[in-house]
Amino acid sequence: MVEAIRKVINILEQKPLKGQITSVMFCDGNLLPSSSEELEVLIRKNVESCLHITSSAPMGGKNDPKAVVDNKGKVYGLNGLYIADASILPDVPSVATNPTVIMAAEYIADQIKKNY
């Protein structure tokens, strides 16, 4: 996991993503430490199993600091890039993830079709 996180950070530090990332942190608010030993401690403290990963690129308004996409799946700050999967759900739904994602993806696809 330490190596995987380091590789992700390396990708995030490349153009065009470098200018889009303001911080990288764990869900408890801890920023990523520079030492691998400290990173491993945080991984062990924070990482858990999850069957239906959601909310890694949440939908929200432009003024929401956690929002990555708008209500039509368009990624803020990048032209022509849309996300239509479980990552845009602002919270884990209390119902089955699959039909929720299908509904959102169909809505986003319809919105994209209207614009092209």
PDB file of N, CA and C in Angstrom:
ATOM      1  N   MET A   1       0.821  -1.195   0.000  1.00  0.00           N
ATOM      2  CA  MET A   1       0.000   0.000   0.000  1.00  0.00           C
ATOM      3  C   MET A   1       0.867   1.262   0.000  1.00  0.00           C
ATOM      4  N   VAL A   2       1.983   1.215   0.730  1.00  0.00           N
ATOM      5  CA  VAL A   2       2.872   2.379   0.750  1.00  0.00           C
ATOM      6  C   VAL A   2       3.363   2.679  -0.662  1.00  0.00           C
ATOM      7  N   GLU A   3       3.811   1.641  -1.365  1.00  0.00           N
ATOM      8  CA  GLU A   3       4.302   1.828  -2.732  1.00  0.00           C
ATOM      9  C   GLU A   3       3.191   2.324  -3.652  1.00  0.00           C
ATOM     10  N   ALA A   4       1.981   1.790  -3.502  1.00  0.00           N
ATOM     11  CA  ALA A   4       0.854   2.222  -4.342  1.00  0.00           C
ATOM     12  C   ALA A   4       0.535   3.692  -4.102  1.00  0.00           C
ATOM     13  N   ILE A   5       0.526   4.106  -2.858  1.00  0.00           N
ATOM     14  CA  ILE A   5       0.240   5.511  -2.541  1.00  0.00           C
ATOM     15  C   ILE A   5       1.329   6.407  -3.110  1.00  0.00           C
ATOM     16  N   ARG A   6       2.579   5.997  -2.991  1.00  0.00           N
ATOM     17  CA  ARG A   6       3.680   6.788  -3.554  1.00  0.00           C
ATOM     18  C   ARG A   6       3.522   6.933  -5.072  1.00  0.00           C
ATOM     19  N   LYS A   7       3.095   5.868  -5.755  1.00  0.00           N
ATOM     20  CA  LYS A   7       2.895   5.933  -7.209  1.00  0.00           C
ATOM     21  C   LYS A   7       1.743   6.874  -7.563  1.00  0.00           C
ATOM     22  N   VAL A   8       0.675   6.820  -6.788  1.00  0.00           N
ATOM     23  CA  VAL A   8      -0.452   7.725  -7.023  1.00  0.00           C
ATOM     24  C   VAL A   8      -0.006   9.166  -6.834  1.00  0.00           C
ATOM     25  N   ILE A   9       0.749   9.434  -5.779  1.00  0.00           N
ATOM     26  CA  ILE A   9       1.248  10.795  -5.538  1.00  0.00           C
ATOM     27  C   ILE A   9       2.112  11.249  -6.703  1.00  0.00           C
ATOM     28  N   ASN A  10       2.950  10.360  -7.227  1.00  0.00           N
ATOM     29  CA  ASN A  10       3.777  10.694  -8.379  1.00  0.00           C
ATOM     30  C   ASN A  10       2.920  11.074  -9.576  1.00  0.00           C
ATOM     31  N   ILE A  11       1.841  10.338  -9.811  1.00  0.00           N
ATOM     32  CA  ILE A  11       0.927  10.658 -10.916  1.00  0.00           C
ATOM     33  C   ILE A  11       0.272  12.014 -10.684  1.00  0.00           C
ATOM     34  N   LEU A  12      -0.157  12.265  -9.446  1.00  0.00           N
ATOM     35  CA  LEU A  12      -0.833  13.530  -9.138  1.00  0.00           C
ATOM     36  C   LEU A  12       0.099  14.734  -9.268  1.00  0.00           C
ATOM     37  N   GLU A  13       1.397  14.504  -9.195  1.00  0.00           N
ATOM     38  CA  GLU A  13       2.359  15.599  -9.299  1.00  0.00           C
ATOM     39  C   GLU A  13       2.719  15.936 -10.750  1.00  0.00           C
ATOM     40  N   GLN A  14       2.146  15.202 -11.706  1.00  0.00           N
ATOM     41  CA  GLN A  14       2.415  15.443 -13.125  1.00  0.00           C
ATOM     42  C   GLN A  14       1.367  16.399 -13.697  1.00  0.00           C
ATOM     43  N   LYS A  15       1.761  17.139 -14.748  1.00  0.00           N
ATOM     44  CA  LYS A  15       0.806  17.977 -15.458  1.00  0.00           C
ATOM     45  C   LYS A  15      -0.183  17.077 -16.165  1.00  0.00           C
ATOM     46  N   PRO A  16      -1.442  17.403 -16.303  1.00  0.00           N
ATOM     47  CA  PRO A  16      -2.127  18.612 -15.867  1.00  0.00           C
ATOM     48  C   PRO A  16      -2.710  18.510 -14.457  1.00  0.00           C
ATOM     49  N   LEU A  17      -2.531  17.378 -13.788  1.00  0.00           N
ATOM     50  CA  LEU A  17      -3.138  17.216 -12.475  1.00  0.00           C
ATOM     51  C   LEU A  17      -2.490  18.075 -11.395  1.00  0.00           C
ATOM     52  N   LYS A  18      -1.215  18.349 -11.522  1.00  0.00           N
ATOM     53  CA  LYS A  18      -0.473  19.064 -10.478  1.00  0.00           C
ATOM     54  C   LYS A  18      -1.171  20.343 -10.034  1.00  0.00           C
ATOM     55  N   GLY A  19      -1.673  21.106 -10.962  1.00  0.00           N
ATOM     56  CA  GLY A  19      -2.338  22.351 -10.619  1.00  0.00           C
ATOM     57  C   GLY A  19      -3.741  22.175 -10.054  1.00  0.00           C
ATOM     58  N   GLN A  20      -4.289  20.968 -10.162  1.00  0.00           N
ATOM     59  CA  GLN A  20      -5.663  20.703  -9.711  1.00  0.00           C
ATOM     60  C   GLN A  20      -5.730  20.196  -8.276  1.00  0.00           C
ATOM     61  N   ILE A  21      -4.644  19.669  -7.749  1.00  0.00           N
ATOM     62  CA  ILE A  21      -4.631  19.044  -6.432  1.00  0.00           C
ATOM     63  C   ILE A  21      -4.205  20.074  -5.384  1.00  0.00           C
ATOM     64  N   THR A  22      -5.040  20.237  -4.369  1.00  0.00           N
ATOM     65  CA  THR A  22      -4.687  21.174  -3.301  1.00  0.00           C
ATOM     66  C   THR A  22      -4.064  20.470  -2.107  1.00  0.00           C
ATOM     67  N   SER A  23      -4.499  19.233  -1.834  1.00  0.00           N
ATOM     68  CA  SER A  23      -3.909  18.457  -0.747  1.00  0.00           C
ATOM     69  C   SER A  23      -4.310  16.999  -0.895  1.00  0.00           C
ATOM     70  N   VAL A  24      -3.535  16.143  -0.283  1.00  0.00           N
ATOM     71  CA  VAL A  24      -3.833  14.718  -0.248  1.00  0.00           C
ATOM     72  C   VAL A  24      -3.773  14.306   1.211  1.00  0.00           C
ATOM     73  N   MET A  25      -4.885  13.742   1.675  1.00  0.00           N
ATOM     74  CA  MET A  25      -4.924  13.379   3.089  1.00  0.00           C
ATOM     75  C   MET A  25      -5.788  12.148   3.315  1.00  0.00           C
ATOM     76  N   PHE A  26      -5.644  11.592   4.487  1.00  0.00           N
ATOM     77  CA  PHE A  26      -6.493  10.485   4.888  1.00  0.00           C
ATOM     78  C   PHE A  26      -7.837  11.034   5.344  1.00  0.00           C
ATOM     79  N   CYS A  27      -8.830  10.168   5.431  1.00  0.00           N
ATOM     80  CA  CYS A  27     -10.174  10.613   5.802  1.00  0.00           C
ATOM     81  C   CYS A  27     -10.225  11.199   7.211  1.00  0.00           C
ATOM     82  N   ASP A  28      -9.237  10.902   8.052  1.00  0.00           N
ATOM     83  CA  ASP A  28      -9.223  11.486   9.397  1.00  0.00           C
ATOM     84  C   ASP A  28      -8.562  12.863   9.421  1.00  0.00           C
ATOM     85  N   GLY A  29      -8.151  13.350   8.254  1.00  0.00           N
ATOM     86  CA  GLY A  29      -7.572  14.691   8.158  1.00  0.00           C
ATOM     87  C   GLY A  29      -6.061  14.730   8.176  1.00  0.00           C
ATOM     88  N   ASN A  30      -5.401  13.605   8.430  1.00  0.00           N
ATOM     89  CA  ASN A  30      -3.934  13.572   8.430  1.00  0.00           C
ATOM     90  C   ASN A  30      -3.402  13.700   7.013  1.00  0.00           C
ATOM     91  N   LEU A  31      -2.469  14.638   6.826  1.00  0.00           N
ATOM     92  CA  LEU A  31      -1.792  14.751   5.536  1.00  0.00           C
ATOM     93  C   LEU A  31      -0.828  13.587   5.384  1.00  0.00           C
ATOM     94  N   LEU A  32      -0.462  13.274   4.150  1.00  0.00           N
ATOM     95  CA  LEU A  32       0.468  12.173   3.926  1.00  0.00           C
ATOM     96  C   LEU A  32       1.849  12.538   4.453  1.00  0.00           C
ATOM     97  N   PRO A  33       2.405  11.703   5.317  1.00  0.00           N
ATOM     98  CA  PRO A  33       3.748  11.988   5.829  1.00  0.00           C
ATOM     99  C   PRO A  33       4.806  11.670   4.781  1.00  0.00           C
ATOM    100  N   SER A  34       6.003  12.212   4.971  1.00  0.00           N
ATOM    101  CA  SER A  34       7.067  11.969   4.002  1.00  0.00           C
ATOM    102  C   SER A  34       7.757  10.629   4.231  1.00  0.00           C
ATOM    103  N   SER A  35       7.784  10.154   5.459  1.00  0.00           N
ATOM    104  CA  SER A  35       8.479   8.884   5.709  1.00  0.00           C
ATOM    105  C   SER A  35       7.550   7.695   5.467  1.00  0.00           C
ATOM    106  N   SER A  36       8.122   6.639   4.910  1.00  0.00           N
ATOM    107  CA  SER A  36       7.351   5.424   4.624  1.00  0.00           C
ATOM    108  C   SER A  36       6.852   4.765   5.901  1.00  0.00           C
ATOM    109  N   GLU A  37       7.641   4.859   6.964  1.00  0.00           N
ATOM    110  CA  GLU A  37       7.237   4.253   8.230  1.00  0.00           C
ATOM    111  C   GLU A  37       5.990   4.941   8.789  1.00  0.00           C
ATOM    112  N   GLU A  38       5.977   6.267   8.770  1.00  0.00           N
ATOM    113  CA  GLU A  38       4.801   7.006   9.258  1.00  0.00           C
ATOM    114  C   GLU A  38       3.592   6.753   8.359  1.00  0.00           C
ATOM    115  N   LEU A  39       3.830   6.654   7.057  1.00  0.00           N
ATOM    116  CA  LEU A  39       2.750   6.376   6.112  1.00  0.00           C
ATOM    117  C   LEU A  39       2.146   5.002   6.389  1.00  0.00           C
ATOM    118  N   GLU A  40       2.983   4.023   6.655  1.00  0.00           N
ATOM    119  CA  GLU A  40       2.483   2.681   6.962  1.00  0.00           C
ATOM    120  C   GLU A  40       1.615   2.692   8.226  1.00  0.00           C
ATOM    121  N   VAL A  41       2.015   3.459   9.226  1.00  0.00           N
ATOM    122  CA  VAL A  41       1.218   3.565  10.454  1.00  0.00           C
ATOM    123  C   VAL A  41      -0.156   4.152  10.135  1.00  0.00           C
ATOM    124  N   LEU A  42      -0.197   5.211   9.331  1.00  0.00           N
ATOM    125  CA  LEU A  42      -1.480   5.821   8.970  1.00  0.00           C
ATOM    126  C   LEU A  42      -2.336   4.885   8.123  1.00  0.00           C
ATOM    127  N   ILE A  43      -1.694   4.128   7.240  1.00  0.00           N
ATOM    128  CA  ILE A  43      -2.439   3.162   6.424  1.00  0.00           C
ATOM    129  C   ILE A  43      -3.101   2.140   7.338  1.00  0.00           C
ATOM    130  N   ARG A  44      -2.340   1.583   8.252  1.00  0.00           N
ATOM    131  CA  ARG A  44      -2.884   0.577   9.169  1.00  0.00           C
ATOM    132  C   ARG A  44      -4.017   1.159  10.022  1.00  0.00           C
ATOM    133  N   LYS A  45      -3.909   2.427  10.344  1.00  0.00           N
ATOM    134  CA  LYS A  45      -4.932   3.079  11.176  1.00  0.00           C
ATOM    135  C   LYS A  45      -6.212   3.378  10.380  1.00  0.00           C
ATOM    136  N   ASN A  46      -6.085   3.694   9.103  1.00  0.00           N
ATOM    137  CA  ASN A  46      -7.208   4.217   8.329  1.00  0.00           C
ATOM    138  C   ASN A  46      -7.818   3.289   7.288  1.00  0.00           C
ATOM    139  N   VAL A  47      -7.053   2.372   6.742  1.00  0.00           N
ATOM    140  CA  VAL A  47      -7.547   1.561   5.637  1.00  0.00           C
ATOM    141  C   VAL A  47      -8.409   0.423   6.163  1.00  0.00           C
ATOM    142  N   GLU A  48      -9.548   0.247   5.506  1.00  0.00           N
ATOM    143  CA  GLU A  48     -10.440  -0.849   5.856  1.00  0.00           C
ATOM    144  C   GLU A  48     -11.080  -1.381   4.584  1.00  0.00           C
ATOM    145  N   SER A  49     -11.671  -2.532   4.685  1.00  0.00           N
ATOM    146  CA  SER A  49     -12.322  -3.157   3.546  1.00  0.00           C
ATOM    147  C   SER A  49     -13.614  -2.417   3.200  1.00  0.00           C
ATOM    148  N   CYS A  50     -13.879  -2.341   1.911  1.00  0.00           N
ATOM    149  CA  CYS A  50     -15.104  -1.699   1.452  1.00  0.00           C
ATOM    150  C   CYS A  50     -15.541  -2.384   0.162  1.00  0.00           C
ATOM    151  N   LEU A  51     -16.739  -2.916   0.153  1.00  0.00           N
ATOM    152  CA  LEU A  51     -17.203  -3.646  -1.019  1.00  0.00           C
ATOM    153  C   LEU A  51     -17.633  -2.724  -2.155  1.00  0.00           C
ATOM    154  N   HIS A  52     -18.220  -1.608  -1.826  1.00  0.00           N
ATOM    155  CA  HIS A  52     -18.722  -0.683  -2.845  1.00  0.00           C
ATOM    156  C   HIS A  52     -18.105   0.684  -2.605  1.00  0.00           C
ATOM    157  N   ILE A  53     -16.978   0.908  -3.231  1.00  0.00           N
ATOM    158  CA  ILE A  53     -16.269   2.163  -3.036  1.00  0.00           C
ATOM    159  C   ILE A  53     -17.035   3.288  -3.714  1.00  0.00           C
ATOM    160  N   THR A  54     -17.299   4.341  -2.974  1.00  0.00           N
ATOM    161  CA  THR A  54     -17.990   5.509  -3.507  1.00  0.00           C
ATOM    162  C   THR A  54     -17.331   6.772  -2.966  1.00  0.00           C
ATOM    163  N   SER A  55     -17.745   7.891  -3.514  1.00  0.00           N
ATOM    164  CA  SER A  55     -17.450   9.209  -2.947  1.00  0.00           C
ATOM    165  C   SER A  55     -15.993   9.649  -3.020  1.00  0.00           C
ATOM    166  N   SER A  56     -15.204   9.088  -3.928  1.00  0.00           N
ATOM    167  CA  SER A  56     -13.813   9.521  -4.036  1.00  0.00           C
ATOM    168  C   SER A  56     -13.653  10.764  -4.909  1.00  0.00           C
ATOM    169  N   ALA A  57     -14.674  11.096  -5.707  1.00  0.00           N
ATOM    170  CA  ALA A  57     -14.690  12.316  -6.525  1.00  0.00           C
ATOM    171  C   ALA A  57     -16.097  12.897  -6.432  1.00  0.00           C
ATOM    172  N   PRO A  58     -16.493  13.351  -5.236  1.00  0.00           N
ATOM    173  CA  PRO A  58     -17.895  13.691  -5.000  1.00  0.00           C
ATOM    174  C   PRO A  58     -18.451  14.853  -5.815  1.00  0.00           C
ATOM    175  N   MET A  59     -19.742  14.739  -6.068  1.00  0.00           N
ATOM    176  CA  MET A  59     -20.509  15.769  -6.746  1.00  0.00           C
ATOM    177  C   MET A  59     -20.863  16.858  -5.733  1.00  0.00           C
ATOM    178  N   GLY A  60     -20.885  18.095  -6.206  1.00  0.00           N
ATOM    179  CA  GLY A  60     -21.275  19.202  -5.335  1.00  0.00           C
ATOM    180  C   GLY A  60     -21.161  20.521  -6.065  1.00  0.00           C
ATOM    181  N   GLY A  61     -21.520  21.580  -5.378  1.00  0.00           N
ATOM    182  CA  GLY A  61     -21.461  22.914  -5.954  1.00  0.00           C
ATOM    183  C   GLY A  61     -20.037  23.421  -6.085  1.00  0.00           C
ATOM    184  N   LYS A  62     -19.855  24.446  -6.921  1.00  0.00           N
ATOM    185  CA  LYS A  62     -18.519  25.006  -7.152  1.00  0.00           C
ATOM    186  C   LYS A  62     -17.848  25.500  -5.874  1.00  0.00           C
ATOM    187  N   ASN A  63     -18.633  25.917  -4.904  1.00  0.00           N
ATOM    188  CA  ASN A  63     -18.061  26.439  -3.666  1.00  0.00           C
ATOM    189  C   ASN A  63     -17.777  25.359  -2.633  1.00  0.00           C
ATOM    190  N   ASP A  64     -18.116  24.116  -2.938  1.00  0.00           N
ATOM    191  CA  ASP A  64     -17.860  23.003  -2.030  1.00  0.00           C
ATOM    192  C   ASP A  64     -16.409  22.552  -2.226  1.00  0.00           C
ATOM    193  N   PRO A  65     -15.551  22.714  -1.215  1.00  0.00           N
ATOM    194  CA  PRO A  65     -14.134  22.366  -1.396  1.00  0.00           C
ATOM    195  C   PRO A  65     -13.884  20.882  -1.650  1.00  0.00           C
ATOM    196  N   LYS A  66     -14.846  20.024  -1.312  1.00  0.00           N
ATOM    197  CA  LYS A  66     -14.668  18.589  -1.534  1.00  0.00           C
ATOM    198  C   LYS A  66     -15.204  18.135  -2.893  1.00  0.00           C
ATOM    199  N   ALA A  67     -15.983  18.983  -3.557  1.00  0.00           N
ATOM    200  CA  ALA A  67     -16.619  18.596  -4.822  1.00  0.00           C
ATOM    201  C   ALA A  67     -15.612  18.533  -5.960  1.00  0.00           C
ATOM    202  N   VAL A  68     -15.727  17.468  -6.756  1.00  0.00           N
ATOM    203  CA  VAL A  68     -14.870  17.278  -7.922  1.00  0.00           C
ATOM    204  C   VAL A  68     -15.671  17.474  -9.202  1.00  0.00           C
ATOM    205  N   VAL A  69     -16.967  17.121  -9.156  1.00  0.00           N
ATOM    206  CA  VAL A  69     -17.821  17.245 -10.337  1.00  0.00           C
ATOM    207  C   VAL A  69     -19.095  18.011  -9.990  1.00  0.00           C
ATOM    208  N   ASP A  70     -19.722  18.575 -11.046  1.00  0.00           N
ATOM    209  CA  ASP A  70     -21.008  19.243 -10.844  1.00  0.00           C
ATOM    210  C   ASP A  70     -22.137  18.212 -10.929  1.00  0.00           C
ATOM    211  N   ASN A  71     -23.388  18.676 -10.888  1.00  0.00           N
ATOM    212  CA  ASN A  71     -24.528  17.753 -10.883  1.00  0.00           C
ATOM    213  C   ASN A  71     -24.766  17.056 -12.218  1.00  0.00           C
ATOM    214  N   LYS A  72     -23.941  17.361 -13.209  1.00  0.00           N
ATOM    215  CA  LYS A  72     -24.028  16.677 -14.501  1.00  0.00           C
ATOM    216  C   LYS A  72     -22.788  15.827 -14.759  1.00  0.00           C
ATOM    217  N   GLY A  73     -21.969  15.611 -13.729  1.00  0.00           N
ATOM    218  CA  GLY A  73     -20.789  14.765 -13.842  1.00  0.00           C
ATOM    219  C   GLY A  73     -19.571  15.419 -14.455  1.00  0.00           C
ATOM    220  N   LYS A  74     -19.659  16.729 -14.783  1.00  0.00           N
ATOM    221  CA  LYS A  74     -18.534  17.432 -15.408  1.00  0.00           C
ATOM    222  C   LYS A  74     -17.486  17.758 -14.352  1.00  0.00           C
ATOM    223  N   VAL A  75     -16.243  17.383 -14.642  1.00  0.00           N
ATOM    224  CA  VAL A  75     -15.139  17.627 -13.718  1.00  0.00           C
ATOM    225  C   VAL A  75     -14.797  19.111 -13.717  1.00  0.00           C
ATOM    226  N   TYR A  76     -14.760  19.704 -12.531  1.00  0.00           N
ATOM    227  CA  TYR A  76     -14.407  21.114 -12.410  1.00  0.00           C
ATOM    228  C   TYR A  76     -12.981  21.359 -12.892  1.00  0.00           C
ATOM    229  N   GLY A  77     -12.805  22.372 -13.718  1.00  0.00           N
ATOM    230  CA  GLY A  77     -11.478  22.788 -14.159  1.00  0.00           C
ATOM    231  C   GLY A  77     -10.902  22.034 -15.344  1.00  0.00           C
ATOM    232  N   LEU A  78     -11.610  21.022 -15.844  1.00  0.00           N
ATOM    233  CA  LEU A  78     -11.119  20.271 -17.002  1.00  0.00           C
ATOM    234  C   LEU A  78     -12.219  20.219 -18.057  1.00  0.00           C
ATOM    235  N   ASN A  79     -11.918  20.666 -19.250  1.00  0.00           N
ATOM    236  CA  ASN A  79     -12.914  20.680 -20.320  1.00  0.00           C
ATOM    237  C   ASN A  79     -13.119  19.290 -20.907  1.00  0.00           C
ATOM    238  N   GLY A  80     -14.386  18.911 -21.063  1.00  0.00           N
ATOM    239  CA  GLY A  80     -14.730  17.682 -21.754  1.00  0.00           C
ATOM    240  C   GLY A  80     -14.571  16.401 -20.960  1.00  0.00           C
ATOM    241  N   LEU A  81     -14.271  16.495 -19.668  1.00  0.00           N
ATOM    242  CA  LEU A  81     -14.111  15.288 -18.858  1.00  0.00           C
ATOM    243  C   LEU A  81     -15.301  15.151 -17.906  1.00  0.00           C
ATOM    244  N   TYR A  82     -15.940  13.995 -17.975  1.00  0.00           N
ATOM    245  CA  TYR A  82     -17.101  13.693 -17.140  1.00  0.00           C
ATOM    246  C   TYR A  82     -16.832  12.408 -16.375  1.00  0.00           C
ATOM    247  N   ILE A  83     -17.424  12.292 -15.203  1.00  0.00           N
ATOM    248  CA  ILE A  83     -17.350  11.057 -14.419  1.00  0.00           C
ATOM    249  C   ILE A  83     -18.772  10.581 -14.189  1.00  0.00           C
ATOM    250  N   ALA A  84     -19.010   9.301 -14.438  1.00  0.00           N
ATOM    251  CA  ALA A  84     -20.354   8.741 -14.277  1.00  0.00           C
ATOM    252  C   ALA A  84     -20.255   7.373 -13.613  1.00  0.00           C
ATOM    253  N   ASP A  85     -19.713   7.349 -12.408  1.00  0.00           N
ATOM    254  CA  ASP A  85     -19.632   6.099 -11.663  1.00  0.00           C
ATOM    255  C   ASP A  85     -19.870   6.374 -10.183  1.00  0.00           C
ATOM    256  N   ALA A  86     -19.657   5.389  -9.344  1.00  0.00           N
ATOM    257  CA  ALA A  86     -19.952   5.513  -7.910  1.00  0.00           C
ATOM    258  C   ALA A  86     -19.084   6.553  -7.210  1.00  0.00           C
ATOM    259  N   SER A  87     -17.980   6.943  -7.816  1.00  0.00           N
ATOM    260  CA  SER A  87     -17.090   7.905  -7.167  1.00  0.00           C
ATOM    261  C   SER A  87     -17.738   9.273  -6.991  1.00  0.00           C
ATOM    262  N   ILE A  88     -18.743   9.618  -7.801  1.00  0.00           N
ATOM    263  CA  ILE A  88     -19.345  10.952  -7.707  1.00  0.00           C
ATOM    264  C   ILE A  88     -20.416  11.058  -6.622  1.00  0.00           C
ATOM    265  N   LEU A  89     -20.837   9.943  -6.066  1.00  0.00           N
ATOM    266  CA  LEU A  89     -21.858  10.010  -5.018  1.00  0.00           C
ATOM    267  C   LEU A  89     -21.265  10.716  -3.809  1.00  0.00           C
ATOM    268  N   PRO A  90     -21.899  11.791  -3.325  1.00  0.00           N
ATOM    269  CA  PRO A  90     -21.328  12.538  -2.199  1.00  0.00           C
ATOM    270  C   PRO A  90     -21.241  11.707  -0.914  1.00  0.00           C
ATOM    271  N   ASP A  91     -22.127  10.744  -0.763  1.00  0.00           N
ATOM    272  CA  ASP A  91     -22.144   9.858   0.396  1.00  0.00           C
ATOM    273  C   ASP A  91     -22.471   8.452  -0.069  1.00  0.00           C
ATOM    274  N   VAL A  92     -22.108   7.469   0.725  1.00  0.00           N
ATOM    275  CA  VAL A  92     -22.462   6.092   0.395  1.00  0.00           C
ATOM    276  C   VAL A  92     -23.978   5.962   0.533  1.00  0.00           C
ATOM    277  N   PRO A  93     -24.659   5.498  -0.519  1.00  0.00           N
ATOM    278  CA  PRO A  93     -26.124   5.393  -0.430  1.00  0.00           C
ATOM    279  C   PRO A  93     -26.551   4.306   0.552  1.00  0.00           C
ATOM    280  N   SER A  94     -27.730   4.467   1.119  1.00  0.00           N
ATOM    281  CA  SER A  94     -28.246   3.482   2.069  1.00  0.00           C
ATOM    282  C   SER A  94     -28.968   2.344   1.350  1.00  0.00           C
ATOM    283  N   VAL A  95     -28.965   2.385   0.039  1.00  0.00           N
ATOM    284  CA  VAL A  95     -29.574   1.339  -0.790  1.00  0.00           C
ATOM    285  C   VAL A  95     -28.471   0.712  -1.645  1.00  0.00           C
ATOM    286  N   ALA A  96     -28.841  -0.282  -2.445  1.00  0.00           N
ATOM    287  CA  ALA A  96     -27.853  -0.928  -3.308  1.00  0.00           C
ATOM    288  C   ALA A  96     -27.163   0.101  -4.202  1.00  0.00           C
ATOM    289  N   THR A  97     -25.858   0.006  -4.288  1.00  0.00           N
ATOM    290  CA  THR A  97     -25.077   0.970  -5.066  1.00  0.00           C
ATOM    291  C   THR A  97     -25.337   0.845  -6.564  1.00  0.00           C
ATOM    292  N   ASN A  98     -25.461  -0.374  -7.064  1.00  0.00           N
ATOM    293  CA  ASN A  98     -25.575  -0.603  -8.491  1.00  0.00           C
ATOM    294  C   ASN A  98     -26.702   0.181  -9.159  1.00  0.00           C
ATOM    295  N   PRO A  99     -27.965   0.069  -8.719  1.00  0.00           N
ATOM    296  CA  PRO A  99     -29.016   0.829  -9.412  1.00  0.00           C
ATOM    297  C   PRO A  99     -28.852   2.339  -9.271  1.00  0.00           C
ATOM    298  N   THR A 100     -28.292   2.776  -8.158  1.00  0.00           N
ATOM    299  CA  THR A 100     -28.054   4.218  -7.968  1.00  0.00           C
ATOM    300  C   THR A 100     -27.052   4.721  -8.994  1.00  0.00           C
ATOM    301  N   VAL A 101     -25.990   3.968  -9.208  1.00  0.00           N
ATOM    302  CA  VAL A 101     -24.964   4.362 -10.178  1.00  0.00           C
ATOM    303  C   VAL A 101     -25.506   4.290 -11.598  1.00  0.00           C
ATOM    304  N   ILE A 102     -26.286   3.261 -11.901  1.00  0.00           N
ATOM    305  CA  ILE A 102     -26.879   3.148 -13.246  1.00  0.00           C
ATOM    306  C   ILE A 102     -27.753   4.368 -13.523  1.00  0.00           C
ATOM    307  N   MET A 103     -28.582   4.754 -12.559  1.00  0.00           N
ATOM    308  CA  MET A 103     -29.453   5.913 -12.736  1.00  0.00           C
ATOM    309  C   MET A 103     -28.626   7.182 -12.968  1.00  0.00           C
ATOM    310  N   ALA A 104     -27.604   7.392 -12.140  1.00  0.00           N
ATOM    311  CA  ALA A 104     -26.769   8.581 -12.278  1.00  0.00           C
ATOM    312  C   ALA A 104     -26.046   8.581 -13.616  1.00  0.00           C
ATOM    313  N   ALA A 105     -25.509   7.436 -14.025  1.00  0.00           N
ATOM    314  CA  ALA A 105     -24.776   7.346 -15.289  1.00  0.00           C
ATOM    315  C   ALA A 105     -25.689   7.608 -16.484  1.00  0.00           C
ATOM    316  N   GLU A 106     -26.910   7.081 -16.440  1.00  0.00           N
ATOM    317  CA  GLU A 106     -27.850   7.334 -17.536  1.00  0.00           C
ATOM    318  C   GLU A 106     -28.221   8.812 -17.603  1.00  0.00           C
ATOM    319  N   TYR A 107     -28.418   9.426 -16.455  1.00  0.00           N
ATOM    320  CA  TYR A 107     -28.732  10.863 -16.419  1.00  0.00           C
ATOM    321  C   TYR A 107     -27.569  11.671 -17.010  1.00  0.00           C
ATOM    322  N   ILE A 108     -26.353  11.357 -16.582  1.00  0.00           N
ATOM    323  CA  ILE A 108     -25.174  12.087 -17.071  1.00  0.00           C
ATOM    324  C   ILE A 108     -25.013  11.868 -18.569  1.00  0.00           C
ATOM    325  N   ALA A 109     -25.202  10.638 -19.041  1.00  0.00           N
ATOM    326  CA  ALA A 109     -25.099  10.365 -20.481  1.00  0.00           C
ATOM    327  C   ALA A 109     -26.119  11.190 -21.264  1.00  0.00           C
ATOM    328  N   ASP A 110     -27.336  11.296 -20.751  1.00  0.00           N
ATOM    329  CA  ASP A 110     -28.370  12.105 -21.414  1.00  0.00           C
ATOM    330  C   ASP A 110     -27.958  13.571 -21.456  1.00  0.00           C
ATOM    331  N   GLN A 111     -27.367  14.071 -20.369  1.00  0.00           N
ATOM    332  CA  GLN A 111     -26.920  15.468 -20.331  1.00  0.00           C
ATOM    333  C   GLN A 111     -25.792  15.718 -21.331  1.00  0.00           C
ATOM    334  N   ILE A 112     -24.877  14.764 -21.442  1.00  0.00           N
ATOM    335  CA  ILE A 112     -23.775  14.912 -22.409  1.00  0.00           C
ATOM    336  C   ILE A 112     -24.329  14.920 -23.835  1.00  0.00           C
ATOM    337  N   LYS A 113     -25.265  14.022 -24.120  1.00  0.00           N
ATOM    338  CA  LYS A 113     -25.878  13.963 -25.462  1.00  0.00           C
ATOM    339  C   LYS A 113     -26.538  15.280 -25.826  1.00  0.00           C
ATOM    340  N   LYS A 114     -27.163  15.946 -24.862  1.00  0.00           N
ATOM    341  CA  LYS A 114     -27.842  17.233 -25.123  1.00  0.00           C
ATOM    342  C   LYS A 114     -26.847  18.306 -25.534  1.00  0.00           C
ATOM    343  N   ASN A 115     -25.602  18.199 -25.041  1.00  0.00           N
ATOM    344  CA  ASN A 115     -24.599  19.216 -25.324  1.00  0.00           C
ATOM    345  C   ASN A 115     -23.814  18.967 -26.604  1.00  0.00           C
ATOM    346  N   TYR A 116     -23.974  17.791 -27.216  1.00  0.00           N
ATOM    347  CA  TYR A 116     -23.185  17.472 -28.414  1.00  0.00           C
ATOM    348  C   TYR A 116     -24.058  17.110 -29.574  1.00  0.00           C
TER     349      TYR A 116
END
